[in-house]
Structure formats: structure tokens, C-alpha cells
Amino acid sequence: MSIFNGLNINASGLSLERLKLDTISTNIANVNTTRTAEGGAYRKKSIEFSESLKEATQQINQEPLTDNKISYGVKVTGIREDQTVRMSYDPTNPDADEEGYVEQSNVNVADEMIDMIQALRTYEANASAVEMNKSMLRKALEISKD
């Protein structure tokens, strides 16, 4: 295990939260989009992720240890598109069907704002952890000077 593993784990968390914020801002920007290039209204997108595990190895002969995995942060496993449909009655809209209903985006701005606040707080926590890791490494270097 490297002394930089903590920084790598925090860096993966920072990258994940940035991708979440980008996705949330795209969702909010398209809250009123009724027509996309793919056809139909914009669908809410969300990030799927999981822990990034790697097999731990012994330092001497680089053989895997039995059932021993080490976390290396998080990894994005995909971007999920919510397939729920929301219809509204607006016969004057050019995207309305023959009955006057328009397919609306399924983005809820209040939910997106809550997700944004949570992503911001998590980003801040990871940034603070990076600073703590840097401080510990700096102290370790100062100890080795003497």
C-alpha cells in the first residue's frame, strides 16, 4: 500500500462528485425540454457508481493474498436515464399529440437542488480530506528531516 493511496481515493471521489454536478446541471438546464435529438422529452439522468476494489498482493513475490481486496476509491459504472413519463395538457404546443398532450421532462428541480447540495457537501468533504492527507505527508517529511 502506497502513501499516496489516500490522495488517490480522494481524487476519485472528487471526480465522481464533479460528474454528478455536471449531470445535475444538465438535468436542470433541460427541465423544460420537450423535444430532443433522440425524440421525445428530455429524460433525467443520474450517475451509477461502485467501490473500486483491487486484489491485494504480497510485496515479496506479487502473488494475490487470499480473499483480500483493497479499496482504491470509487468508479463510475454508468449513467442511468429515468424512463418515467410525465404528460401535460397543452394543445397549443407544437409537440402536442392529436389529443393535445405533451410529453414533459421528468426532471424535478427541487430534487435536483437537493442532489446538488449533497454533491457539493461531499465534494467539500473530499477536498478537506485531500488537504489533511497533504498535511500528514508534509509532517512526515518534516519528521524525516531531523
Protein backbone atom coordinates (compact mmCIF):
# COMPACT_ATOMS: atom_id res chain seq x y z
CA MET A 1 0.00 0.00 0.00
CA SER A 2 1.39 3.36 -1.08
CA ILE A 3 1.44 6.51 1.00
CA PHE A 4 -0.46 8.17 -1.85
CA ASN A 5 -3.48 5.82 -1.72
CA GLY A 6 -5.43 8.27 0.40
CA LEU A 7 -4.90 11.02 -2.16
CA ASN A 8 -5.92 8.68 -4.99
CA ILE A 9 -9.11 7.69 -3.17
CA ASN A 10 -9.98 11.34 -2.55
CA ALA A 11 -9.21 12.20 -6.18
CA SER A 12 -11.64 9.52 -7.38
CA GLY A 13 -14.29 10.93 -5.04
CA LEU A 14 -13.69 14.46 -6.33
CA SER A 15 -14.02 13.25 -9.93
CA LEU A 16 -17.26 11.43 -9.15
CA GLU A 17 -18.82 14.43 -7.45
CA ARG A 18 -17.82 16.69 -10.33
CA LEU A 19 -19.50 14.32 -12.78
CA LYS A 20 -22.59 14.29 -10.56
CA LEU A 21 -22.67 18.10 -10.53
CA ASP A 22 -22.30 18.21 -14.31
CA THR A 23 -25.19 15.76 -14.69
CA ILE A 24 -27.38 17.67 -12.24
CA SER A 25 -26.74 20.95 -14.05
CA THR A 26 -27.63 19.29 -17.38
CA ASN A 27 -30.85 17.98 -15.84
CA ILE A 28 -31.79 21.44 -14.55
CA ALA A 29 -30.91 23.09 -17.86
CA ASN A 30 -33.26 20.69 -19.68
CA VAL A 31 -36.19 20.84 -17.27
CA ASN A 32 -38.45 22.36 -19.96
CA THR A 33 -37.10 20.43 -22.96
CA THR A 34 -39.94 18.64 -24.75
CA ARG A 35 -38.02 17.65 -27.88
CA THR A 36 -34.56 16.06 -28.03
CA ALA A 37 -32.45 14.78 -30.92
CA GLU A 38 -33.43 11.22 -29.94
CA GLY A 39 -37.11 12.17 -29.96
CA GLY A 40 -39.41 12.83 -27.04
CA ALA A 41 -38.84 14.86 -23.92
CA TYR A 42 -35.57 15.06 -22.03
CA ARG A 43 -35.12 12.22 -19.53
CA LYS A 44 -33.48 12.76 -16.14
CA LYS A 45 -30.00 11.26 -15.92
CA SER A 46 -28.20 10.03 -12.81
CA ILE A 47 -24.77 8.59 -12.13
CA GLU A 48 -24.26 4.99 -11.05
CA PHE A 49 -21.04 4.15 -9.24
CA SER A 50 -19.41 1.49 -7.10
CA GLU A 51 -16.35 0.97 -4.97
CA SER A 52 -13.18 0.34 -6.94
CA LEU A 53 -11.60 -2.78 -5.48
CA LYS A 54 -8.29 -4.31 -6.49
CA GLU A 55 -6.67 -7.54 -5.43
CA ALA A 56 -4.10 -7.04 -2.68
CA THR A 57 -0.70 -8.58 -3.40
CA GLN A 58 2.18 -9.56 -1.21
CA GLN A 59 5.18 -7.31 -1.72
CA ILE A 60 7.74 -10.12 -1.92
CA ASN A 61 6.51 -12.35 -4.74
CA GLN A 62 3.49 -10.33 -6.01
CA GLU A 63 1.07 -13.23 -5.51
CA PRO A 64 -2.52 -12.40 -4.57
CA LEU A 65 -3.47 -12.79 -0.94
CA THR A 66 -6.49 -14.96 -0.24
CA ASP A 67 -9.77 -13.01 -0.29
CA ASN A 68 -8.03 -9.72 0.35
CA LYS A 69 -9.19 -6.71 -1.65
CA ILE A 70 -8.16 -3.11 -1.16
CA SER A 71 -10.34 -0.13 -1.94
CA TYR A 72 -8.97 2.34 -4.45
CA GLY A 73 -11.83 4.80 -4.25
CA VAL A 74 -14.91 4.84 -6.44
CA LYS A 75 -15.56 4.28 -10.13
CA VAL A 76 -18.43 5.28 -12.39
CA THR A 77 -20.30 2.24 -13.66
CA GLY A 78 -22.78 4.08 -15.86
CA ILE A 79 -25.21 6.89 -16.45
CA ARG A 80 -28.83 5.84 -15.92
CA GLU A 81 -31.71 7.51 -17.72
CA ASP A 82 -35.04 7.62 -15.86
CA GLN A 83 -37.74 6.30 -18.20
CA THR A 84 -40.82 7.61 -16.37
CA VAL A 85 -43.12 9.73 -18.50
CA ARG A 86 -44.87 12.92 -17.45
CA MET A 87 -47.65 14.25 -19.66
CA SER A 88 -49.35 17.65 -19.55
CA TYR A 89 -52.27 19.06 -21.48
CA ASP A 90 -51.22 21.88 -23.81
CA PRO A 91 -52.90 21.70 -27.23
CA THR A 92 -51.10 24.90 -28.37
CA ASN A 93 -47.65 23.30 -28.02
CA PRO A 94 -46.18 22.20 -31.39
CA ASP A 95 -45.05 18.94 -29.74
CA ALA A 96 -48.59 18.03 -28.62
CA ASP A 97 -50.13 14.78 -29.82
CA GLU A 98 -53.56 14.62 -31.52
CA GLU A 99 -55.28 14.70 -28.10
CA GLY A 100 -53.36 17.84 -27.01
CA TYR A 101 -50.97 16.15 -24.54
CA VAL A 102 -47.27 16.98 -24.48
CA GLU A 103 -44.60 14.71 -23.06
CA GLN A 104 -42.71 16.73 -20.44
CA SER A 105 -39.26 16.28 -18.96
CA ASN A 106 -39.32 14.13 -15.82
CA VAL A 107 -36.81 16.37 -14.01
CA ASN A 108 -37.93 17.71 -10.63
CA VAL A 109 -35.96 20.89 -9.89
CA ALA A 110 -36.40 20.58 -6.10
CA ASP A 111 -34.95 17.05 -6.15
CA GLU A 112 -32.09 18.22 -8.34
CA MET A 113 -31.28 21.07 -5.96
CA ILE A 114 -31.18 18.63 -3.03
CA ASP A 115 -28.88 16.32 -5.03
CA MET A 116 -26.71 19.32 -5.90
CA ILE A 117 -26.33 20.37 -2.27
CA GLN A 118 -25.43 16.81 -1.30
CA ALA A 119 -22.85 16.58 -4.11
CA LEU A 120 -21.35 19.94 -3.10
CA ARG A 121 -21.03 18.85 0.54
CA THR A 122 -19.43 15.57 -0.48
CA TYR A 123 -17.04 17.42 -2.79
CA GLU A 124 -16.09 19.76 0.07
CA ALA A 125 -15.51 16.78 2.39
CA ASN A 126 -13.22 15.14 -0.18
CA ALA A 127 -11.34 18.42 -0.69
CA SER A 128 -10.84 18.69 3.08
CA ALA A 129 -9.59 15.10 3.21
CA VAL A 130 -7.09 15.90 0.43
CA GLU A 131 -5.78 18.81 2.50
CA MET A 132 -5.47 16.56 5.58
CA ASN A 133 -3.57 13.94 3.55
CA LYS A 134 -1.23 16.62 2.24
CA SER A 135 -0.71 17.92 5.78
CA MET A 136 0.13 14.41 7.06
CA LEU A 137 2.61 13.85 4.23
CA ARG A 138 4.20 17.26 4.92
CA LYS A 139 4.57 16.37 8.63
CA ALA A 140 6.09 13.00 7.70
CA LEU A 141 8.68 14.79 5.57
CA GLU A 142 9.47 17.19 8.42
CA ILE A 143 9.99 14.28 10.81
CA SER A 144 12.40 12.61 8.38
CA LYS A 145 14.50 15.80 8.11
CA ASP A 146 15.71 15.52 11.70
